[in-house]
């Protein structure tokens, strides 16, 4: 599976000019092997962060002026948030950027393989919890729902995945959906109205 991911996500995304009104940001989508099966790591944000309070997300944040690239941003933020040393992440590739609907971020996603077990050091101001979710659970579209919304007078689809008592949604779910589809996993997501 890793070779497929590496092939399908080869190369960094072009860092074109950011459209007016959007702030460049980057996240790391961390893959790891736990008990010999592939998992994805998420963080649950605290109520103390500026944006997306309490949401499940990938480690990441806004590009600092000193960041040489958005990849540097993703790795720096992962180190700040969960204590992941940048040299411990093997970058497999990148996804196309997506914009957040209400908060105005243009988010670049870098997919990396990280070691596990690992001595994570969550930043208590930003990270309430680290979640490690089985890949096979997330790629199974039976766990997904979608709902149509309007924001800023524009229609859009929101996606939701329930995992235990956690809800993965918003930009994180859109990134995850894009990641699976880029790797040939077709998501047939039912409307929330159908359940």
N, C-alpha and C. Protein backbone atom coordinates (compact mmCIF):
# COMPACT_ATOMS: atom_id res chain seq x y z
N UNK A 1 0.82 -1.21 0.00
CA UNK A 1 0.00 0.00 0.00
C UNK A 1 0.86 1.27 0.00
N UNK A 2 1.98 1.25 0.74
CA UNK A 2 2.82 2.44 0.81
C UNK A 2 3.40 2.80 -0.55
N UNK A 3 3.77 1.79 -1.34
CA UNK A 3 4.31 2.07 -2.67
C UNK A 3 3.23 2.69 -3.57
N UNK A 4 2.00 2.22 -3.42
CA UNK A 4 0.89 2.80 -4.18
C UNK A 4 0.70 4.26 -3.80
N UNK A 5 0.72 4.53 -2.50
CA UNK A 5 0.57 5.91 -2.03
C UNK A 5 1.70 6.78 -2.55
N UNK A 6 2.92 6.29 -2.45
CA UNK A 6 4.08 7.04 -2.91
C UNK A 6 3.96 7.36 -4.41
N UNK A 7 3.53 6.39 -5.19
CA UNK A 7 3.38 6.59 -6.63
C UNK A 7 2.26 7.58 -6.95
N UNK A 8 1.14 7.45 -6.27
CA UNK A 8 -0.02 8.30 -6.56
C UNK A 8 0.13 9.73 -6.06
N UNK A 9 0.99 9.95 -5.07
CA UNK A 9 1.13 11.29 -4.49
C UNK A 9 2.50 11.90 -4.75
N UNK A 10 3.20 11.38 -5.72
CA UNK A 10 4.58 11.83 -5.98
C UNK A 10 4.65 13.34 -6.21
N UNK A 11 5.69 13.94 -5.64
CA UNK A 11 5.97 15.36 -5.86
C UNK A 11 5.25 16.26 -4.89
N UNK A 12 5.88 17.40 -4.63
CA UNK A 12 5.25 18.40 -3.77
C UNK A 12 4.26 19.21 -4.59
N UNK A 13 3.21 19.71 -3.96
CA UNK A 13 2.27 20.56 -4.71
C UNK A 13 2.94 21.89 -5.05
N UNK A 14 2.54 22.46 -6.16
CA UNK A 14 3.07 23.78 -6.51
C UNK A 14 2.54 24.80 -5.52
N UNK A 15 3.43 25.64 -5.05
CA UNK A 15 3.03 26.67 -4.11
C UNK A 15 2.73 27.95 -4.89
N UNK A 16 1.59 27.94 -5.57
CA UNK A 16 1.17 29.09 -6.35
C UNK A 16 0.79 30.23 -5.42
N UNK A 17 0.57 31.38 -5.99
CA UNK A 17 0.13 32.53 -5.20
C UNK A 17 -1.18 32.17 -4.52
N UNK A 18 -1.26 32.52 -3.25
CA UNK A 18 -2.46 32.22 -2.47
C UNK A 18 -3.54 33.24 -2.83
N UNK A 19 -4.75 32.76 -3.17
CA UNK A 19 -5.82 33.70 -3.52
C UNK A 19 -6.10 34.68 -2.38
N UNK A 20 -6.50 35.86 -2.75
CA UNK A 20 -6.82 36.90 -1.77
C UNK A 20 -7.86 36.39 -0.77
N UNK A 21 -7.63 36.68 0.49
CA UNK A 21 -8.58 36.27 1.53
C UNK A 21 -8.29 34.93 2.15
N UNK A 22 -7.29 34.19 1.62
CA UNK A 22 -6.94 32.89 2.18
C UNK A 22 -5.55 32.95 2.82
N UNK A 23 -5.38 32.21 3.91
CA UNK A 23 -4.11 32.14 4.63
C UNK A 23 -3.48 30.78 4.39
N UNK A 24 -2.22 30.73 3.92
CA UNK A 24 -1.59 29.42 3.67
C UNK A 24 -1.31 28.67 4.96
N UNK A 25 -1.62 27.37 4.94
CA UNK A 25 -1.40 26.49 6.09
C UNK A 25 -1.02 25.12 5.56
N UNK A 26 -0.48 24.29 6.44
CA UNK A 26 -0.08 22.94 6.02
C UNK A 26 -0.29 21.97 7.15
N UNK A 27 -0.62 20.73 6.79
CA UNK A 27 -0.81 19.66 7.77
C UNK A 27 -0.02 18.44 7.34
N UNK A 28 0.27 17.60 8.32
CA UNK A 28 0.88 16.30 8.08
C UNK A 28 -0.19 15.25 8.30
N UNK A 29 -0.41 14.40 7.29
CA UNK A 29 -1.30 13.25 7.43
C UNK A 29 -0.38 12.08 7.79
N UNK A 30 -0.28 11.75 9.09
CA UNK A 30 0.69 10.73 9.53
C UNK A 30 0.13 9.31 9.44
N UNK A 31 0.83 8.47 8.69
CA UNK A 31 0.53 7.04 8.62
C UNK A 31 1.51 6.32 9.54
N UNK A 32 1.05 5.24 10.16
CA UNK A 32 1.93 4.45 11.02
C UNK A 32 1.44 3.01 11.04
N UNK A 33 2.36 2.12 11.38
CA UNK A 33 1.99 0.72 11.54
C UNK A 33 1.88 0.40 13.02
N UNK A 34 0.69 -0.03 13.43
CA UNK A 34 0.43 -0.46 14.81
C UNK A 34 -0.04 -1.89 14.74
N UNK A 35 0.65 -2.77 15.45
CA UNK A 35 0.32 -4.20 15.41
C UNK A 35 0.26 -4.69 13.96
N UNK A 36 1.23 -4.22 13.17
CA UNK A 36 1.42 -4.62 11.77
C UNK A 36 0.31 -4.21 10.83
N UNK A 37 -0.60 -3.34 11.28
CA UNK A 37 -1.63 -2.83 10.37
C UNK A 37 -1.52 -1.31 10.29
N UNK A 38 -1.87 -0.79 9.13
CA UNK A 38 -1.76 0.63 8.86
C UNK A 38 -2.82 1.42 9.62
N UNK A 39 -2.41 2.53 10.22
CA UNK A 39 -3.29 3.44 10.95
C UNK A 39 -3.00 4.87 10.52
N UNK A 40 -3.90 5.78 10.88
CA UNK A 40 -3.70 7.21 10.65
C UNK A 40 -3.81 7.92 11.99
N UNK A 41 -2.90 8.86 12.22
CA UNK A 41 -2.89 9.62 13.47
C UNK A 41 -3.62 10.95 13.28
N UNK A 42 -4.45 11.27 14.26
CA UNK A 42 -5.16 12.55 14.31
C UNK A 42 -4.91 13.18 15.69
N UNK A 43 -5.20 14.46 15.78
CA UNK A 43 -5.21 15.10 17.09
C UNK A 43 -6.60 15.65 17.34
N UNK A 44 -6.98 15.70 18.61
CA UNK A 44 -8.19 16.42 18.99
C UNK A 44 -7.72 17.74 19.57
N UNK A 45 -8.18 18.83 19.00
CA UNK A 45 -7.74 20.16 19.41
C UNK A 45 -8.38 20.56 20.74
N UNK A 46 -7.67 21.36 21.51
CA UNK A 46 -8.20 21.84 22.78
C UNK A 46 -9.19 22.98 22.53
N UNK A 47 -9.77 23.47 23.60
CA UNK A 47 -10.65 24.64 23.52
C UNK A 47 -9.84 25.95 23.59
N UNK A 48 -8.51 25.84 23.74
CA UNK A 48 -7.66 27.03 23.89
C UNK A 48 -7.11 27.54 22.56
N UNK A 49 -7.22 26.75 21.49
CA UNK A 49 -6.68 27.17 20.21
C UNK A 49 -7.58 28.23 19.58
N UNK A 50 -7.00 28.97 18.64
CA UNK A 50 -7.73 30.08 18.03
C UNK A 50 -8.87 29.61 17.11
N UNK A 51 -8.60 28.60 16.30
CA UNK A 51 -9.59 28.14 15.31
C UNK A 51 -9.83 26.64 15.46
N UNK A 52 -11.02 26.21 15.07
CA UNK A 52 -11.40 24.78 15.04
C UNK A 52 -11.29 24.14 16.43
N UNK A 53 -11.76 24.83 17.44
CA UNK A 53 -11.71 24.35 18.83
C UNK A 53 -12.40 23.00 18.98
N UNK A 54 -11.72 22.07 19.65
CA UNK A 54 -12.31 20.78 19.96
C UNK A 54 -12.46 19.82 18.78
N UNK A 55 -12.02 20.22 17.60
CA UNK A 55 -12.21 19.37 16.43
C UNK A 55 -11.07 18.36 16.29
N UNK A 56 -11.38 17.27 15.61
CA UNK A 56 -10.36 16.28 15.26
C UNK A 56 -9.68 16.79 13.99
N UNK A 57 -8.35 16.79 13.99
CA UNK A 57 -7.61 17.34 12.86
C UNK A 57 -6.31 16.57 12.67
N UNK A 58 -5.56 16.97 11.65
CA UNK A 58 -4.20 16.49 11.48
C UNK A 58 -3.27 17.52 12.11
N UNK A 59 -2.08 17.11 12.57
CA UNK A 59 -1.13 18.10 13.07
C UNK A 59 -0.80 19.11 11.97
N UNK A 60 -0.85 20.39 12.31
CA UNK A 60 -0.55 21.40 11.31
C UNK A 60 -0.93 22.78 11.76
N UNK A 61 -0.71 23.74 10.88
CA UNK A 61 -1.04 25.11 11.21
C UNK A 61 -0.61 26.07 10.12
N UNK A 62 -0.63 27.34 10.46
CA UNK A 62 -0.36 28.43 9.53
C UNK A 62 1.13 28.53 9.23
N UNK A 63 1.44 28.87 8.00
CA UNK A 63 2.83 29.05 7.58
C UNK A 63 3.43 30.27 8.28
N UNK A 64 4.59 30.07 8.90
CA UNK A 64 5.33 31.17 9.51
C UNK A 64 6.18 31.85 8.44
N UNK A 65 6.47 33.15 8.59
CA UNK A 65 7.30 33.84 7.60
C UNK A 65 8.67 33.18 7.41
N UNK A 66 9.22 32.53 8.45
CA UNK A 66 10.52 31.89 8.33
C UNK A 66 10.51 30.51 7.72
N UNK A 67 9.32 29.94 7.44
CA UNK A 67 9.23 28.60 6.85
C UNK A 67 9.65 28.64 5.38
N UNK A 68 10.63 27.83 5.03
CA UNK A 68 11.13 27.82 3.64
C UNK A 68 10.11 27.26 2.67
N UNK A 69 9.24 26.40 3.16
CA UNK A 69 8.23 25.78 2.30
C UNK A 69 7.06 25.37 3.18
N UNK A 70 5.98 24.96 2.53
CA UNK A 70 4.83 24.48 3.29
C UNK A 70 5.10 23.11 3.90
N UNK A 71 5.99 22.33 3.30
CA UNK A 71 6.41 21.08 3.93
C UNK A 71 7.09 21.38 5.27
N UNK A 72 7.93 22.39 5.29
CA UNK A 72 8.58 22.80 6.54
C UNK A 72 7.52 23.20 7.57
N UNK A 73 6.48 23.89 7.12
CA UNK A 73 5.38 24.28 8.01
C UNK A 73 4.74 23.05 8.64
N UNK A 74 4.39 22.06 7.80
CA UNK A 74 3.72 20.85 8.31
C UNK A 74 4.59 20.12 9.32
N UNK A 75 5.89 19.98 9.03
CA UNK A 75 6.79 19.27 9.94
C UNK A 75 7.04 20.06 11.22
N UNK A 76 7.18 21.37 11.10
CA UNK A 76 7.38 22.20 12.29
C UNK A 76 6.16 22.12 13.20
N UNK A 77 4.98 22.21 12.62
CA UNK A 77 3.76 22.14 13.42
C UNK A 77 3.59 20.77 14.07
N UNK A 78 3.94 19.69 13.36
CA UNK A 78 3.85 18.35 13.94
C UNK A 78 4.79 18.23 15.14
N UNK A 79 5.96 18.84 15.02
CA UNK A 79 6.89 18.82 16.16
C UNK A 79 6.34 19.62 17.33
N UNK A 80 5.78 20.79 17.04
CA UNK A 80 5.22 21.63 18.10
C UNK A 80 4.01 20.98 18.77
N UNK A 81 3.17 20.32 17.99
CA UNK A 81 1.90 19.81 18.53
C UNK A 81 2.02 18.44 19.17
N UNK A 82 2.79 17.53 18.55
CA UNK A 82 2.83 16.16 19.09
C UNK A 82 4.24 15.68 19.42
N UNK A 83 5.24 16.54 19.23
CA UNK A 83 6.61 16.16 19.56
C UNK A 83 7.26 15.23 18.56
N UNK A 84 6.79 15.25 17.31
CA UNK A 84 7.37 14.40 16.27
C UNK A 84 8.58 15.09 15.67
N UNK A 85 9.75 14.49 15.80
CA UNK A 85 10.95 15.05 15.17
C UNK A 85 10.82 14.95 13.66
N UNK A 86 11.15 16.03 12.97
CA UNK A 86 10.93 16.07 11.52
C UNK A 86 11.69 14.98 10.78
N UNK A 87 12.87 14.60 11.29
CA UNK A 87 13.65 13.55 10.61
C UNK A 87 13.03 12.17 10.79
N UNK A 88 12.04 12.04 11.66
CA UNK A 88 11.38 10.76 11.87
C UNK A 88 10.19 10.55 10.93
N UNK A 89 9.88 11.53 10.10
CA UNK A 89 8.77 11.40 9.15
C UNK A 89 9.32 11.19 7.75
N UNK A 90 8.91 10.09 7.12
CA UNK A 90 9.27 9.84 5.72
C UNK A 90 8.12 10.36 4.86
N UNK A 91 8.35 11.44 4.15
CA UNK A 91 7.29 12.04 3.33
C UNK A 91 7.07 11.19 2.08
N UNK A 92 5.82 10.73 1.92
CA UNK A 92 5.45 9.87 0.80
C UNK A 92 4.91 10.66 -0.38
N UNK A 93 4.38 11.85 -0.11
CA UNK A 93 3.81 12.67 -1.17
C UNK A 93 2.89 13.72 -0.61
N UNK A 94 2.14 14.36 -1.50
CA UNK A 94 1.30 15.48 -1.11
C UNK A 94 -0.02 15.44 -1.87
N UNK A 95 -1.02 16.08 -1.27
CA UNK A 95 -2.33 16.23 -1.90
C UNK A 95 -2.45 17.65 -2.43
N UNK A 96 -3.44 17.87 -3.28
CA UNK A 96 -3.74 19.23 -3.73
C UNK A 96 -4.30 20.02 -2.55
N UNK A 97 -4.03 21.33 -2.52
CA UNK A 97 -4.55 22.12 -1.39
C UNK A 97 -6.06 22.25 -1.44
N UNK A 98 -6.64 22.40 -0.26
CA UNK A 98 -8.08 22.67 -0.15
C UNK A 98 -8.27 23.92 0.69
N UNK A 99 -9.37 24.61 0.48
CA UNK A 99 -9.66 25.77 1.32
C UNK A 99 -10.73 25.40 2.34
N UNK A 100 -10.58 25.98 3.53
CA UNK A 100 -11.60 25.77 4.55
C UNK A 100 -12.77 26.69 4.24
N UNK A 101 -13.96 26.22 4.57
CA UNK A 101 -15.17 26.92 4.14
C UNK A 101 -15.39 28.21 4.94
N UNK A 102 -15.20 28.17 6.24
CA UNK A 102 -15.55 29.34 7.04
C UNK A 102 -14.37 30.09 7.64
N UNK A 103 -13.19 29.43 7.75
CA UNK A 103 -12.07 30.08 8.43
C UNK A 103 -11.01 30.65 7.49
N UNK A 104 -11.12 30.40 6.20
CA UNK A 104 -10.26 31.07 5.24
C UNK A 104 -8.82 30.59 5.15
N UNK A 105 -8.58 29.30 5.38
CA UNK A 105 -7.24 28.74 5.22
C UNK A 105 -7.14 27.99 3.89
N UNK A 106 -5.98 28.07 3.25
CA UNK A 106 -5.67 27.21 2.11
C UNK A 106 -4.70 26.17 2.65
N UNK A 107 -5.18 24.93 2.77
CA UNK A 107 -4.45 23.89 3.48
C UNK A 107 -3.77 22.93 2.51
N UNK A 108 -2.44 22.84 2.64
CA UNK A 108 -1.63 21.88 1.90
C UNK A 108 -1.40 20.67 2.80
N UNK A 109 -1.56 19.46 2.24
CA UNK A 109 -1.42 18.24 3.02
C UNK A 109 -0.25 17.42 2.52
N UNK A 110 0.62 17.02 3.47
CA UNK A 110 1.76 16.16 3.18
C UNK A 110 1.54 14.84 3.91
N UNK A 111 1.67 13.75 3.18
CA UNK A 111 1.45 12.42 3.74
C UNK A 111 2.80 11.84 4.13
N UNK A 112 2.91 11.41 5.39
CA UNK A 112 4.17 10.88 5.86
C UNK A 112 4.01 9.61 6.67
N UNK A 113 5.01 8.75 6.58
CA UNK A 113 5.06 7.55 7.39
C UNK A 113 5.90 7.86 8.63
N UNK A 114 5.34 7.58 9.80
CA UNK A 114 6.06 7.86 11.05
C UNK A 114 6.24 6.56 11.84
N UNK A 115 7.27 6.50 12.69
CA UNK A 115 7.49 5.28 13.47
C UNK A 115 6.45 5.13 14.59
N UNK A 116 6.24 3.88 14.96
CA UNK A 116 5.34 3.58 16.09
C UNK A 116 5.76 2.24 16.68
N UNK A 117 5.81 2.10 18.01
CA UNK A 117 5.47 3.11 19.01
C UNK A 117 6.45 4.29 18.99
N UNK A 118 5.99 5.42 19.55
CA UNK A 118 6.77 6.65 19.51
C UNK A 118 6.49 7.42 20.80
N UNK A 119 7.47 8.13 21.27
CA UNK A 119 7.30 8.94 22.49
C UNK A 119 6.71 10.30 22.11
N UNK A 120 5.42 10.31 21.79
CA UNK A 120 4.76 11.56 21.46
C UNK A 120 4.74 12.46 22.70
N UNK A 121 4.87 13.76 22.46
CA UNK A 121 4.80 14.75 23.53
C UNK A 121 3.75 15.79 23.14
N UNK A 122 2.46 15.50 23.40
CA UNK A 122 1.41 16.43 22.99
C UNK A 122 1.56 17.78 23.71
N UNK A 123 1.38 18.85 22.95
CA UNK A 123 1.38 20.20 23.49
C UNK A 123 0.02 20.42 24.14
N UNK A 124 0.00 20.50 25.46
CA UNK A 124 -1.26 20.58 26.20
C UNK A 124 -2.10 21.81 25.90
N UNK A 125 -1.50 22.85 25.36
CA UNK A 125 -2.28 24.04 25.01
C UNK A 125 -3.06 23.82 23.70
N UNK A 126 -2.50 22.97 22.81
CA UNK A 126 -3.11 22.78 21.50
C UNK A 126 -3.79 21.42 21.31
N UNK A 127 -3.26 20.39 21.96
CA UNK A 127 -3.72 19.02 21.70
C UNK A 127 -4.32 18.41 22.96
N UNK A 128 -5.61 18.09 22.89
CA UNK A 128 -6.30 17.46 24.02
C UNK A 128 -6.07 15.95 24.01
N UNK A 129 -5.90 15.38 22.81
CA UNK A 129 -5.80 13.92 22.70
C UNK A 129 -5.19 13.56 21.35
N UNK A 130 -4.44 12.47 21.33
CA UNK A 130 -3.95 11.88 20.08
C UNK A 130 -4.80 10.66 19.79
N UNK A 131 -5.33 10.59 18.57
CA UNK A 131 -6.16 9.45 18.14
C UNK A 131 -5.40 8.68 17.07
N UNK A 132 -5.37 7.38 17.21
CA UNK A 132 -4.75 6.51 16.21
C UNK A 132 -5.84 5.57 15.71
N UNK A 133 -6.24 5.78 14.45
CA UNK A 133 -7.43 5.13 13.90
C UNK A 133 -7.01 4.15 12.80
N UNK A 134 -7.53 2.92 12.82
CA UNK A 134 -7.17 1.96 11.78
C UNK A 134 -7.54 2.44 10.37
N UNK A 135 -6.62 2.27 9.47
CA UNK A 135 -6.80 2.64 8.06
C UNK A 135 -8.03 1.96 7.49
N UNK A 136 -8.19 0.66 7.77
CA UNK A 136 -9.31 -0.09 7.19
C UNK A 136 -10.65 0.45 7.67
N UNK A 137 -10.71 0.98 8.89
CA UNK A 137 -11.95 1.59 9.38
C UNK A 137 -12.27 2.84 8.57
N UNK A 138 -11.27 3.68 8.37
CA UNK A 138 -11.48 4.97 7.70
C UNK A 138 -11.78 4.80 6.21
N UNK A 139 -11.24 3.77 5.59
CA UNK A 139 -11.47 3.60 4.15
C UNK A 139 -12.80 2.91 3.86
N UNK A 140 -13.48 2.44 4.90
CA UNK A 140 -14.77 1.77 4.73
C UNK A 140 -15.87 2.83 4.72
N UNK A 141 -16.47 3.07 3.57
CA UNK A 141 -17.43 4.17 3.45
C UNK A 141 -18.72 3.96 4.24
N UNK A 142 -18.92 2.79 4.84
CA UNK A 142 -20.09 2.59 5.69
C UNK A 142 -20.04 3.51 6.92
N UNK A 143 -18.85 3.95 7.29
CA UNK A 143 -18.69 4.82 8.46
C UNK A 143 -18.84 6.30 8.12
N UNK A 144 -18.99 6.61 6.85
CA UNK A 144 -19.05 8.00 6.39
C UNK A 144 -20.48 8.45 6.14
N UNK A 145 -20.72 9.75 6.31
CA UNK A 145 -21.99 10.38 5.93
C UNK A 145 -21.65 11.73 5.28
N UNK A 146 -22.59 12.22 4.50
CA UNK A 146 -22.40 13.54 3.89
C UNK A 146 -23.69 14.34 4.04
N UNK A 147 -23.52 15.64 4.03
CA UNK A 147 -24.68 16.53 4.13
C UNK A 147 -24.38 17.78 3.30
N UNK A 148 -25.38 18.28 2.61
CA UNK A 148 -25.23 19.50 1.81
C UNK A 148 -25.52 20.71 2.67
N UNK A 149 -24.70 21.74 2.50
CA UNK A 149 -24.84 22.99 3.23
C UNK A 149 -24.66 24.16 2.28
N UNK A 150 -24.93 25.34 2.81
CA UNK A 150 -24.58 26.58 2.13
C UNK A 150 -23.77 27.42 3.11
N UNK A 151 -22.68 27.99 2.60
CA UNK A 151 -21.88 28.91 3.40
C UNK A 151 -21.38 30.00 2.47
N UNK A 152 -21.45 31.23 2.92
CA UNK A 152 -21.06 32.36 2.07
C UNK A 152 -21.79 32.32 0.73
N UNK A 153 -23.06 31.94 0.78
CA UNK A 153 -23.91 31.84 -0.41
C UNK A 153 -23.42 30.83 -1.44
N UNK A 154 -22.61 29.86 -1.01
CA UNK A 154 -22.11 28.83 -1.90
C UNK A 154 -22.51 27.45 -1.36
N UNK A 155 -22.97 26.54 -2.25
CA UNK A 155 -23.28 25.18 -1.78
C UNK A 155 -22.00 24.37 -1.60
N UNK A 156 -21.98 23.50 -0.62
CA UNK A 156 -20.85 22.58 -0.47
C UNK A 156 -21.30 21.33 0.26
N UNK A 157 -20.52 20.27 0.10
CA UNK A 157 -20.78 18.99 0.75
C UNK A 157 -19.86 18.87 1.97
N UNK A 158 -20.44 18.54 3.10
CA UNK A 158 -19.64 18.27 4.30
C UNK A 158 -19.67 16.76 4.55
N UNK A 159 -18.53 16.23 5.00
CA UNK A 159 -18.40 14.79 5.25
C UNK A 159 -18.15 14.56 6.73
N UNK A 160 -18.63 13.43 7.24
CA UNK A 160 -18.53 13.09 8.65
C UNK A 160 -18.17 11.63 8.81
N UNK A 161 -17.25 11.32 9.71
CA UNK A 161 -16.91 9.95 10.06
C UNK A 161 -16.97 9.84 11.57
N UNK A 162 -17.74 8.91 12.07
CA UNK A 162 -17.79 8.67 13.52
C UNK A 162 -16.82 7.56 13.87
N UNK A 163 -15.99 7.83 14.89
CA UNK A 163 -15.07 6.81 15.39
C UNK A 163 -15.16 6.84 16.90
N UNK A 164 -15.83 5.83 17.48
CA UNK A 164 -16.07 5.85 18.92
C UNK A 164 -16.89 7.09 19.25
N UNK A 165 -16.42 7.87 20.22
CA UNK A 165 -17.15 9.09 20.57
C UNK A 165 -16.55 10.33 19.89
N UNK A 166 -15.78 10.10 18.84
CA UNK A 166 -15.16 11.21 18.10
C UNK A 166 -15.83 11.37 16.74
N UNK A 167 -15.91 12.62 16.30
CA UNK A 167 -16.45 12.93 14.98
C UNK A 167 -15.36 13.60 14.17
N UNK A 168 -15.03 13.00 13.04
CA UNK A 168 -14.05 13.57 12.11
C UNK A 168 -14.87 14.22 11.00
N UNK A 169 -14.68 15.52 10.81
CA UNK A 169 -15.50 16.23 9.82
C UNK A 169 -14.74 17.45 9.32
N UNK A 170 -15.44 18.26 8.51
CA UNK A 170 -14.85 19.49 8.01
C UNK A 170 -13.69 19.23 7.06
N UNK A 171 -12.69 20.12 7.12
CA UNK A 171 -11.54 20.02 6.23
C UNK A 171 -10.81 18.69 6.41
N UNK A 172 -10.74 18.20 7.64
CA UNK A 172 -10.04 16.93 7.89
C UNK A 172 -10.70 15.79 7.13
N UNK A 173 -12.02 15.71 7.16
CA UNK A 173 -12.73 14.66 6.42
C UNK A 173 -12.57 14.85 4.92
N UNK A 174 -12.57 16.09 4.43
CA UNK A 174 -12.38 16.33 3.00
C UNK A 174 -10.98 15.90 2.57
N UNK A 175 -9.97 16.19 3.39
CA UNK A 175 -8.60 15.77 3.09
C UNK A 175 -8.53 14.25 3.04
N UNK A 176 -9.13 13.59 4.01
CA UNK A 176 -9.12 12.14 4.09
C UNK A 176 -9.80 11.53 2.86
N UNK A 177 -10.94 12.08 2.48
CA UNK A 177 -11.66 11.59 1.30
C UNK A 177 -10.78 11.75 0.05
N UNK A 178 -10.14 12.90 -0.09
CA UNK A 178 -9.26 13.13 -1.23
C UNK A 178 -8.09 12.14 -1.23
N UNK A 179 -7.52 11.91 -0.05
CA UNK A 179 -6.41 10.97 0.08
C UNK A 179 -6.81 9.57 -0.40
N UNK A 180 -7.96 9.08 0.06
CA UNK A 180 -8.41 7.75 -0.35
C UNK A 180 -8.70 7.70 -1.85
N UNK A 181 -9.39 8.71 -2.37
CA UNK A 181 -9.74 8.69 -3.79
C UNK A 181 -8.50 8.80 -4.67
N UNK A 182 -7.49 9.57 -4.25
CA UNK A 182 -6.24 9.66 -5.01
C UNK A 182 -5.51 8.33 -5.04
N UNK A 183 -5.83 7.46 -4.08
CA UNK A 183 -5.19 6.16 -4.02
C UNK A 183 -6.12 5.03 -4.46
N UNK A 184 -7.13 5.38 -5.26
CA UNK A 184 -7.98 4.39 -5.90
C UNK A 184 -9.07 3.79 -5.03
N UNK A 185 -9.31 4.39 -3.86
CA UNK A 185 -10.36 3.89 -2.98
C UNK A 185 -11.58 4.77 -3.18
N UNK A 186 -12.57 4.24 -3.89
CA UNK A 186 -13.75 5.02 -4.23
C UNK A 186 -14.68 5.09 -3.02
N UNK A 187 -15.07 6.31 -2.69
CA UNK A 187 -15.95 6.51 -1.54
C UNK A 187 -17.38 6.70 -2.04
N UNK A 188 -18.26 5.79 -1.66
CA UNK A 188 -19.67 5.90 -1.98
C UNK A 188 -20.38 6.31 -0.69
N UNK A 189 -20.41 7.61 -0.44
CA UNK A 189 -20.85 8.13 0.86
C UNK A 189 -22.33 8.47 0.81
N UNK A 190 -23.06 7.88 1.75
CA UNK A 190 -24.50 8.11 1.82
C UNK A 190 -24.80 9.46 2.47
N UNK A 191 -25.90 10.02 2.05
CA UNK A 191 -26.38 11.25 2.67
C UNK A 191 -26.79 10.95 4.11
N UNK A 192 -26.60 11.90 5.00
CA UNK A 192 -27.03 11.75 6.38
C UNK A 192 -28.54 11.55 6.44
N UNK A 193 -29.24 12.05 5.44
CA UNK A 193 -30.70 11.90 5.41
C UNK A 193 -31.11 10.45 5.13
N UNK A 194 -30.19 9.65 4.55
CA UNK A 194 -30.50 8.26 4.22
C UNK A 194 -30.36 7.32 5.41
N UNK A 195 -29.72 7.81 6.51
CA UNK A 195 -29.45 6.87 7.62
C UNK A 195 -30.54 6.84 8.64
